Amino acid sequence: MTMFDDRLKAELSKFQHDMEFAFRVRLRRNRLFALKVAEQLGLTGDAALDYAKAVVMADFSQVGDDPVLRKVEDDLRKRGGEVDVVGLERELAKMKEEAEEQVMTE
């Protein structure tokens, strides 16, 4: 193996690790966010966990945070009252930081 091949292999390995890490963080972030929203919706126990699964699955429908935010917005609106979209985006960002810390310590 040449030095170039070694370097390529190392870069590919790092890329794979980074992508797996980002995926795990995204899933954890969505779950944490959904559980927080579930509290606002009055869901507890299995209902809250089921809601978290539904939010996580919404993320697979399209690229980006829009599907998650749209689902949560719709659910909160159905419950009634105003929805602070900017606040939801901030909470999602906060949950990302928390998720990164949790995934790093696993």
N, C-alpha and C. Protein backbone atom coordinates (compact mmCIF):
# COMPACT_ATOMS: atom_id res chain seq x y z
N MET A 1 0.84 -1.18 0.00
CA MET A 1 0.00 0.00 0.00
C MET A 1 0.89 1.25 0.00
N THR A 2 0.48 2.21 -0.79
CA THR A 2 1.25 3.44 -0.85
C THR A 2 0.80 4.39 0.25
N MET A 3 1.56 5.42 0.43
CA MET A 3 1.22 6.42 1.43
C MET A 3 -0.13 7.08 1.07
N PHE A 4 -0.36 7.27 -0.23
CA PHE A 4 -1.63 7.84 -0.67
C PHE A 4 -2.79 6.93 -0.29
N ASP A 5 -2.64 5.63 -0.50
CA ASP A 5 -3.69 4.67 -0.15
C ASP A 5 -3.98 4.68 1.35
N ASP A 6 -2.92 4.77 2.14
CA ASP A 6 -3.10 4.84 3.60
C ASP A 6 -3.86 6.09 4.00
N ARG A 7 -3.50 7.19 3.38
CA ARG A 7 -4.15 8.45 3.71
C ARG A 7 -5.62 8.43 3.27
N LEU A 8 -5.88 7.88 2.10
CA LEU A 8 -7.25 7.77 1.60
C LEU A 8 -8.09 6.90 2.53
N LYS A 9 -7.53 5.80 2.95
CA LYS A 9 -8.25 4.90 3.86
C LYS A 9 -8.56 5.61 5.18
N ALA A 10 -7.60 6.36 5.69
CA ALA A 10 -7.80 7.10 6.94
C ALA A 10 -8.88 8.17 6.78
N GLU A 11 -8.85 8.87 5.66
CA GLU A 11 -9.86 9.91 5.41
C GLU A 11 -11.26 9.31 5.27
N LEU A 12 -11.35 8.20 4.58
CA LEU A 12 -12.65 7.53 4.43
C LEU A 12 -13.17 7.03 5.76
N SER A 13 -12.29 6.52 6.58
CA SER A 13 -12.68 6.05 7.91
C SER A 13 -13.17 7.21 8.77
N LYS A 14 -12.47 8.33 8.72
CA LYS A 14 -12.88 9.52 9.48
C LYS A 14 -14.22 10.04 8.99
N PHE A 15 -14.40 10.07 7.67
CA PHE A 15 -15.66 10.52 7.10
C PHE A 15 -16.81 9.64 7.56
N GLN A 16 -16.60 8.34 7.52
CA GLN A 16 -17.64 7.40 7.96
C GLN A 16 -17.98 7.63 9.43
N HIS A 17 -16.97 7.79 10.26
CA HIS A 17 -17.18 8.03 11.69
C HIS A 17 -17.96 9.33 11.90
N ASP A 18 -17.57 10.39 11.19
CA ASP A 18 -18.24 11.68 11.34
C ASP A 18 -19.70 11.60 10.91
N MET A 19 -19.98 10.88 9.84
CA MET A 19 -21.36 10.75 9.36
C MET A 19 -22.20 9.93 10.34
N GLU A 20 -21.65 8.88 10.88
CA GLU A 20 -22.37 8.07 11.87
C GLU A 20 -22.65 8.89 13.13
N PHE A 21 -21.66 9.67 13.55
CA PHE A 21 -21.82 10.52 14.73
C PHE A 21 -22.93 11.54 14.49
N ALA A 22 -22.91 12.20 13.33
CA ALA A 22 -23.92 13.21 13.01
C ALA A 22 -25.32 12.58 12.97
N PHE A 23 -25.42 11.38 12.43
CA PHE A 23 -26.70 10.69 12.35
C PHE A 23 -27.22 10.37 13.75
N ARG A 24 -26.37 9.86 14.60
CA ARG A 24 -26.78 9.51 15.96
C ARG A 24 -27.19 10.76 16.74
N VAL A 25 -26.45 11.85 16.55
CA VAL A 25 -26.78 13.11 17.22
C VAL A 25 -28.14 13.61 16.75
N ARG A 26 -28.38 13.55 15.45
CA ARG A 26 -29.65 14.02 14.90
C ARG A 26 -30.82 13.21 15.46
N LEU A 27 -30.68 11.89 15.50
CA LEU A 27 -31.74 11.06 16.07
C LEU A 27 -31.98 11.39 17.54
N ARG A 28 -30.91 11.52 18.30
CA ARG A 28 -31.03 11.84 19.73
C ARG A 28 -31.65 13.21 19.92
N ARG A 29 -31.21 14.18 19.12
CA ARG A 29 -31.75 15.54 19.22
C ARG A 29 -33.26 15.53 18.97
N ASN A 30 -33.68 14.85 17.93
CA ASN A 30 -35.10 14.79 17.61
C ASN A 30 -35.90 14.13 18.71
N ARG A 31 -35.33 13.09 19.30
CA ARG A 31 -36.03 12.39 20.39
C ARG A 31 -36.15 13.29 21.61
N LEU A 32 -35.06 13.96 22.00
CA LEU A 32 -35.10 14.86 23.14
C LEU A 32 -36.09 16.00 22.92
N PHE A 33 -36.06 16.56 21.72
CA PHE A 33 -36.96 17.64 21.36
C PHE A 33 -38.41 17.18 21.43
N ALA A 34 -38.68 16.01 20.87
CA ALA A 34 -40.04 15.48 20.85
C ALA A 34 -40.55 15.19 22.26
N LEU A 35 -39.68 14.69 23.12
CA LEU A 35 -40.11 14.41 24.50
C LEU A 35 -40.44 15.71 25.23
N LYS A 36 -39.70 16.76 24.93
CA LYS A 36 -39.99 18.07 25.53
C LYS A 36 -41.35 18.59 25.04
N VAL A 37 -41.60 18.45 23.75
CA VAL A 37 -42.88 18.88 23.19
C VAL A 37 -44.01 18.01 23.73
N ALA A 38 -43.74 16.72 23.91
CA ALA A 38 -44.76 15.81 24.44
C ALA A 38 -45.24 16.29 25.80
N GLU A 39 -44.34 16.83 26.61
CA GLU A 39 -44.73 17.39 27.91
C GLU A 39 -45.74 18.51 27.72
N GLN A 40 -45.46 19.38 26.73
CA GLN A 40 -46.36 20.51 26.46
C GLN A 40 -47.73 20.02 25.98
N LEU A 41 -47.71 18.89 25.29
CA LEU A 41 -48.96 18.31 24.79
C LEU A 41 -49.69 17.49 25.85
N GLY A 42 -49.05 17.33 27.01
CA GLY A 42 -49.67 16.57 28.09
C GLY A 42 -49.51 15.07 27.94
N LEU A 43 -48.56 14.64 27.13
CA LEU A 43 -48.32 13.21 26.93
C LEU A 43 -47.30 12.70 27.93
N THR A 44 -47.54 11.51 28.45
CA THR A 44 -46.61 10.90 29.39
C THR A 44 -46.43 9.43 29.04
N GLY A 45 -45.41 8.83 29.61
CA GLY A 45 -45.19 7.39 29.47
C GLY A 45 -45.07 6.94 28.03
N ASP A 46 -45.79 5.87 27.72
CA ASP A 46 -45.73 5.29 26.37
C ASP A 46 -46.23 6.25 25.30
N ALA A 47 -47.20 7.08 25.64
CA ALA A 47 -47.73 8.04 24.66
C ALA A 47 -46.63 9.04 24.27
N ALA A 48 -45.84 9.47 25.24
CA ALA A 48 -44.74 10.40 24.96
C ALA A 48 -43.67 9.71 24.11
N LEU A 49 -43.37 8.46 24.41
CA LEU A 49 -42.38 7.72 23.62
C LEU A 49 -42.87 7.48 22.20
N ASP A 50 -44.15 7.17 22.06
CA ASP A 50 -44.73 7.00 20.72
C ASP A 50 -44.67 8.30 19.93
N TYR A 51 -44.92 9.40 20.60
CA TYR A 51 -44.85 10.70 19.95
C TYR A 51 -43.41 10.98 19.50
N ALA A 52 -42.44 10.66 20.35
CA ALA A 52 -41.04 10.86 19.99
C ALA A 52 -40.67 10.04 18.76
N LYS A 53 -41.17 8.82 18.69
CA LYS A 53 -40.90 7.98 17.51
C LYS A 53 -41.50 8.61 16.26
N ALA A 54 -42.69 9.15 16.38
CA ALA A 54 -43.35 9.78 15.23
C ALA A 54 -42.57 11.01 14.74
N VAL A 55 -42.04 11.77 15.67
CA VAL A 55 -41.24 12.95 15.29
C VAL A 55 -39.94 12.51 14.63
N VAL A 56 -39.30 11.50 15.18
CA VAL A 56 -38.07 10.98 14.57
C VAL A 56 -38.35 10.48 13.16
N MET A 57 -39.44 9.79 12.97
CA MET A 57 -39.79 9.28 11.64
C MET A 57 -40.11 10.42 10.67
N ALA A 58 -40.66 11.50 11.17
CA ALA A 58 -40.96 12.66 10.31
C ALA A 58 -39.68 13.22 9.70
N ASP A 59 -38.58 13.08 10.41
CA ASP A 59 -37.30 13.59 9.93
C ASP A 59 -36.82 12.85 8.69
N PHE A 60 -37.28 11.62 8.50
CA PHE A 60 -36.84 10.84 7.35
C PHE A 60 -37.63 11.18 6.08
N SER A 61 -38.67 11.99 6.19
CA SER A 61 -39.50 12.28 5.03
C SER A 61 -38.85 13.28 4.07
N GLN A 62 -38.04 14.20 4.60
CA GLN A 62 -37.35 15.19 3.79
C GLN A 62 -36.04 15.56 4.46
N VAL A 63 -35.20 16.23 3.69
CA VAL A 63 -33.92 16.70 4.22
C VAL A 63 -34.14 17.99 5.00
N GLY A 64 -33.41 18.15 6.08
CA GLY A 64 -33.49 19.38 6.86
C GLY A 64 -34.37 19.24 8.08
N ASP A 65 -34.47 20.34 8.81
CA ASP A 65 -35.24 20.36 10.05
C ASP A 65 -36.71 20.67 9.84
N ASP A 66 -37.08 21.09 8.65
CA ASP A 66 -38.46 21.51 8.38
C ASP A 66 -39.51 20.44 8.71
N PRO A 67 -39.31 19.17 8.33
CA PRO A 67 -40.35 18.19 8.65
C PRO A 67 -40.60 18.03 10.14
N VAL A 68 -39.53 18.08 10.92
CA VAL A 68 -39.65 17.95 12.38
C VAL A 68 -40.39 19.16 12.95
N LEU A 69 -39.94 20.33 12.54
CA LEU A 69 -40.58 21.55 13.05
C LEU A 69 -42.03 21.65 12.59
N ARG A 70 -42.31 21.28 11.36
CA ARG A 70 -43.67 21.33 10.85
C ARG A 70 -44.59 20.40 11.63
N LYS A 71 -44.13 19.18 11.90
CA LYS A 71 -44.94 18.22 12.65
C LYS A 71 -45.24 18.75 14.05
N VAL A 72 -44.22 19.23 14.71
CA VAL A 72 -44.40 19.74 16.07
C VAL A 72 -45.31 20.96 16.07
N GLU A 73 -45.09 21.86 15.12
CA GLU A 73 -45.96 23.04 15.00
C GLU A 73 -47.41 22.64 14.83
N ASP A 74 -47.65 21.72 13.89
CA ASP A 74 -49.02 21.27 13.63
C ASP A 74 -49.64 20.66 14.88
N ASP A 75 -48.89 19.84 15.56
CA ASP A 75 -49.42 19.18 16.76
C ASP A 75 -49.73 20.19 17.87
N LEU A 76 -48.86 21.18 18.02
CA LEU A 76 -49.11 22.20 19.04
C LEU A 76 -50.30 23.08 18.65
N ARG A 77 -50.44 23.38 17.37
CA ARG A 77 -51.57 24.18 16.92
C ARG A 77 -52.89 23.43 17.12
N LYS A 78 -52.87 22.13 16.88
CA LYS A 78 -54.09 21.33 17.09
C LYS A 78 -54.53 21.38 18.54
N ARG A 79 -53.55 21.47 19.42
CA ARG A 79 -53.86 21.56 20.84
C ARG A 79 -54.49 22.92 21.16
N GLY A 80 -54.19 23.89 20.31
CA GLY A 80 -54.76 25.23 20.49
C GLY A 80 -53.72 26.22 20.95
N GLY A 81 -53.94 27.45 20.60
CA GLY A 81 -53.04 28.51 21.03
C GLY A 81 -51.98 28.84 20.00
N GLU A 82 -51.22 29.84 20.33
CA GLU A 82 -50.15 30.31 19.46
C GLU A 82 -48.92 29.43 19.59
N VAL A 83 -48.17 29.36 18.50
CA VAL A 83 -46.94 28.57 18.49
C VAL A 83 -45.78 29.51 18.20
N ASP A 84 -44.78 29.48 19.06
CA ASP A 84 -43.58 30.29 18.89
C ASP A 84 -42.57 29.50 18.05
N VAL A 85 -42.58 29.76 16.74
CA VAL A 85 -41.74 29.01 15.82
C VAL A 85 -40.26 29.26 16.11
N VAL A 86 -39.92 30.51 16.38
CA VAL A 86 -38.52 30.83 16.68
C VAL A 86 -38.08 30.14 17.96
N GLY A 87 -38.97 30.08 18.93
CA GLY A 87 -38.68 29.38 20.17
C GLY A 87 -38.46 27.89 19.94
N LEU A 88 -39.26 27.31 19.05
CA LEU A 88 -39.08 25.90 18.72
C LEU A 88 -37.72 25.66 18.05
N GLU A 89 -37.34 26.56 17.16
CA GLU A 89 -36.04 26.43 16.49
C GLU A 89 -34.90 26.54 17.49
N ARG A 90 -35.05 27.48 18.44
CA ARG A 90 -34.03 27.63 19.49
C ARG A 90 -33.94 26.37 20.36
N GLU A 91 -35.10 25.82 20.70
CA GLU A 91 -35.13 24.61 21.52
C GLU A 91 -34.51 23.44 20.77
N LEU A 92 -34.74 23.36 19.47
CA LEU A 92 -34.15 22.31 18.66
C LEU A 92 -32.62 22.43 18.66
N ALA A 93 -32.12 23.66 18.55
CA ALA A 93 -30.67 23.89 18.59
C ALA A 93 -30.10 23.53 19.96
N LYS A 94 -30.83 23.86 21.01
CA LYS A 94 -30.40 23.52 22.37
C LYS A 94 -30.34 22.00 22.55
N MET A 95 -31.32 21.32 22.02
CA MET A 95 -31.36 19.86 22.12
C MET A 95 -30.22 19.22 21.32
N LYS A 96 -29.77 19.89 20.26
CA LYS A 96 -28.64 19.37 19.50
C LYS A 96 -27.38 19.38 20.36
N GLU A 97 -27.17 20.46 21.08
CA GLU A 97 -26.00 20.54 21.96
C GLU A 97 -26.05 19.44 23.02
N GLU A 98 -27.21 19.26 23.60
CA GLU A 98 -27.38 18.22 24.62
C GLU A 98 -27.16 16.83 24.02
N ALA A 99 -27.69 16.62 22.83
CA ALA A 99 -27.53 15.32 22.16
C ALA A 99 -26.07 15.04 21.85
N GLU A 100 -25.34 16.05 21.40
CA GLU A 100 -23.91 15.87 21.11
C GLU A 100 -23.16 15.43 22.36
N GLU A 101 -23.46 16.09 23.48
CA GLU A 101 -22.80 15.72 24.73
C GLU A 101 -23.13 14.28 25.13
N GLN A 102 -24.39 13.90 25.00
CA GLN A 102 -24.79 12.55 25.36
C GLN A 102 -24.14 11.50 24.47
N VAL A 103 -24.13 11.74 23.16
CA VAL A 103 -23.56 10.77 22.23
C VAL A 103 -22.05 10.66 22.44
N MET A 104 -21.39 11.77 22.72
CA MET A 104 -19.94 11.73 22.94
C MET A 104 -19.56 10.91 24.17
N THR A 105 -20.44 10.91 25.17
CA THR A 105 -20.11 10.20 26.41
C THR A 105 -20.50 8.72 26.38
N GLU A 106 -21.14 8.28 25.30
CA GLU A 106 -21.53 6.87 25.19
C GLU A 106 -20.35 6.01 24.85
